[in-house]
Amino acid sequence: MPKRDSIIFDLNNLPDRQEIEFENGVFDLTLQYNDTSHIFTIDMVSIDDETHQILGEPLTYGVPLWYWASYDWLPPERLVPMDEAGLQSSITLGNFQDSTFILDDSLDEEGDDDGS
């Protein structure tokens, strides 16, 4: 299991939706898999305001989710599909949630985890 916080989905029941509490609100995250192109995508919809949504974001190894968007409602957490051991270079059905996870890669940005 990863050392960083991760988001776990049920790969046997795709699309799978998880309600996740972030620093600035609660969001539904829905993971899909496209059998034709062999890629995972994720939808994010705010529980408080359904107009705050990004649909079909592809999971790309090592690339933060929603890195290209500058909406003030986006969670401040830096979510990155990656392998903490650095052994993988892509996301596949075989390695996702085995060695590769969606991880919160914003560990050291604030210093303390206790908010002081």
Protein backbone atom coordinates (compact mmCIF):
# COMPACT_ATOMS: atom_id res chain seq x y z
CA MET A 1 0.00 0.00 0.00
CA PRO A 2 1.18 3.54 -0.68
CA LYS A 3 2.56 5.82 2.05
CA ARG A 4 0.71 8.87 0.68
CA ASP A 5 -3.05 9.23 0.86
CA SER A 6 -4.65 7.47 -2.11
CA ILE A 7 -8.08 7.16 -3.69
CA ILE A 8 -9.21 3.56 -4.08
CA PHE A 9 -11.73 2.49 -6.72
CA ASP A 10 -13.39 -0.88 -7.36
CA LEU A 11 -11.86 -1.95 -10.68
CA ASN A 12 -14.26 -4.90 -10.87
CA ASN A 13 -17.25 -2.56 -10.94
CA LEU A 14 -16.41 0.23 -13.41
CA PRO A 15 -17.53 2.91 -13.70
CA ASP A 16 -17.00 3.32 -9.94
CA ARG A 17 -17.92 6.46 -8.02
CA GLN A 18 -16.32 7.59 -4.78
CA GLU A 19 -17.36 10.57 -2.67
CA ILE A 20 -14.13 12.24 -1.50
CA GLU A 21 -13.73 15.04 1.03
CA PHE A 22 -11.01 17.49 0.04
CA GLU A 23 -9.73 20.54 1.88
CA ASN A 24 -12.24 22.84 0.16
CA GLY A 25 -15.27 20.61 -0.31
CA VAL A 26 -16.74 17.23 -1.15
CA PHE A 27 -16.59 15.87 -4.70
CA ASP A 28 -17.86 12.79 -6.51
CA LEU A 29 -15.03 11.15 -8.46
CA THR A 30 -16.06 8.58 -11.05
CA LEU A 31 -13.45 6.30 -12.64
CA GLN A 32 -14.07 4.80 -16.09
CA TYR A 33 -12.01 2.53 -18.32
CA ASN A 34 -12.11 2.66 -22.11
CA ASP A 35 -11.55 -0.86 -23.46
CA THR A 36 -10.84 0.42 -26.99
CA SER A 37 -8.12 2.94 -26.13
CA HIS A 38 -7.02 1.20 -22.89
CA ILE A 39 -7.10 4.37 -20.80
CA PHE A 40 -8.68 5.33 -17.50
CA THR A 41 -10.59 8.60 -17.23
CA ILE A 42 -12.01 10.36 -14.22
CA ASP A 43 -14.96 12.69 -13.75
CA MET A 44 -15.07 15.17 -10.87
CA VAL A 45 -18.31 16.86 -9.78
CA SER A 46 -18.76 19.07 -6.72
CA ILE A 47 -21.45 17.86 -4.30
CA ASP A 48 -22.32 21.48 -3.43
CA ASP A 49 -22.46 22.89 -6.97
CA GLU A 50 -22.91 20.54 -9.94
CA THR A 51 -21.76 23.28 -12.31
CA HIS A 52 -18.28 22.73 -10.82
CA GLN A 53 -17.23 19.70 -12.83
CA ILE A 54 -14.55 18.33 -15.09
CA LEU A 55 -15.48 15.25 -17.12
CA GLY A 56 -13.29 12.74 -18.94
CA GLU A 57 -9.91 13.73 -17.47
CA PRO A 58 -7.45 11.05 -18.68
CA LEU A 59 -5.19 9.44 -16.10
CA THR A 60 -1.64 9.90 -17.33
CA TYR A 61 1.22 8.48 -15.29
CA GLY A 62 3.06 11.20 -13.35
CA VAL A 63 0.80 14.03 -14.55
CA PRO A 64 -1.31 15.80 -11.88
CA LEU A 65 -5.05 15.64 -12.45
CA TRP A 66 -6.53 18.92 -13.64
CA TYR A 67 -3.06 20.54 -13.83
CA TRP A 68 -4.22 22.60 -16.80
CA ALA A 69 -7.26 24.13 -15.02
CA SER A 70 -7.14 27.23 -12.81
CA TYR A 71 -10.66 27.18 -11.37
CA ASP A 72 -10.78 28.50 -7.79
CA TRP A 73 -13.17 25.68 -6.78
CA LEU A 74 -10.70 22.88 -7.61
CA PRO A 75 -9.34 20.92 -4.65
CA PRO A 76 -5.92 22.22 -3.56
CA GLU A 77 -4.60 18.68 -3.17
CA ARG A 78 -2.17 17.65 -5.92
CA LEU A 79 -3.51 14.30 -7.14
CA VAL A 80 -1.06 12.36 -9.30
CA PRO A 81 -1.38 8.85 -10.79
CA MET A 82 1.98 7.30 -9.89
CA ASP A 83 3.98 4.49 -8.34
CA GLU A 84 5.83 5.54 -5.16
CA ALA A 85 8.58 3.00 -5.86
CA GLY A 86 9.20 4.50 -9.30
CA LEU A 87 9.07 1.12 -11.04
CA GLN A 88 6.19 1.89 -13.42
CA SER A 89 5.97 4.36 -16.28
CA SER A 90 2.33 3.94 -17.33
CA ILE A 91 -1.10 3.08 -15.96
CA THR A 92 -2.57 -0.26 -17.00
CA LEU A 93 -5.33 -2.60 -15.83
CA GLY A 94 -2.53 -4.81 -14.52
CA ASN A 95 -0.77 -2.24 -12.34
CA PHE A 96 -3.46 0.29 -11.37
CA GLN A 97 -4.17 -0.02 -7.65
CA ASP A 98 -1.54 -2.75 -7.37
CA SER A 99 1.61 -0.63 -7.67
CA THR A 100 0.19 2.51 -9.31
CA PHE A 101 -2.33 4.68 -7.46
CA ILE A 102 -3.91 8.14 -7.55
CA LEU A 103 -1.85 9.71 -4.77
CA ASP A 104 -1.93 13.00 -2.92
CA ASP A 105 1.50 14.34 -3.85
CA SER A 106 1.16 17.56 -1.83
CA LEU A 107 2.74 16.12 1.35
CA ASP A 108 5.55 18.56 1.96
CA GLU A 109 3.96 21.79 0.75
CA GLU A 110 2.57 22.89 4.13
CA GLY A 111 5.18 21.46 6.48
CA ASP A 112 2.98 20.22 9.35
CA ASP A 113 0.16 17.76 8.94
CA ASP A 114 -1.53 18.89 12.19
CA GLY A 115 -2.42 22.36 10.89
CA SER A 116 -0.24 24.29 13.32
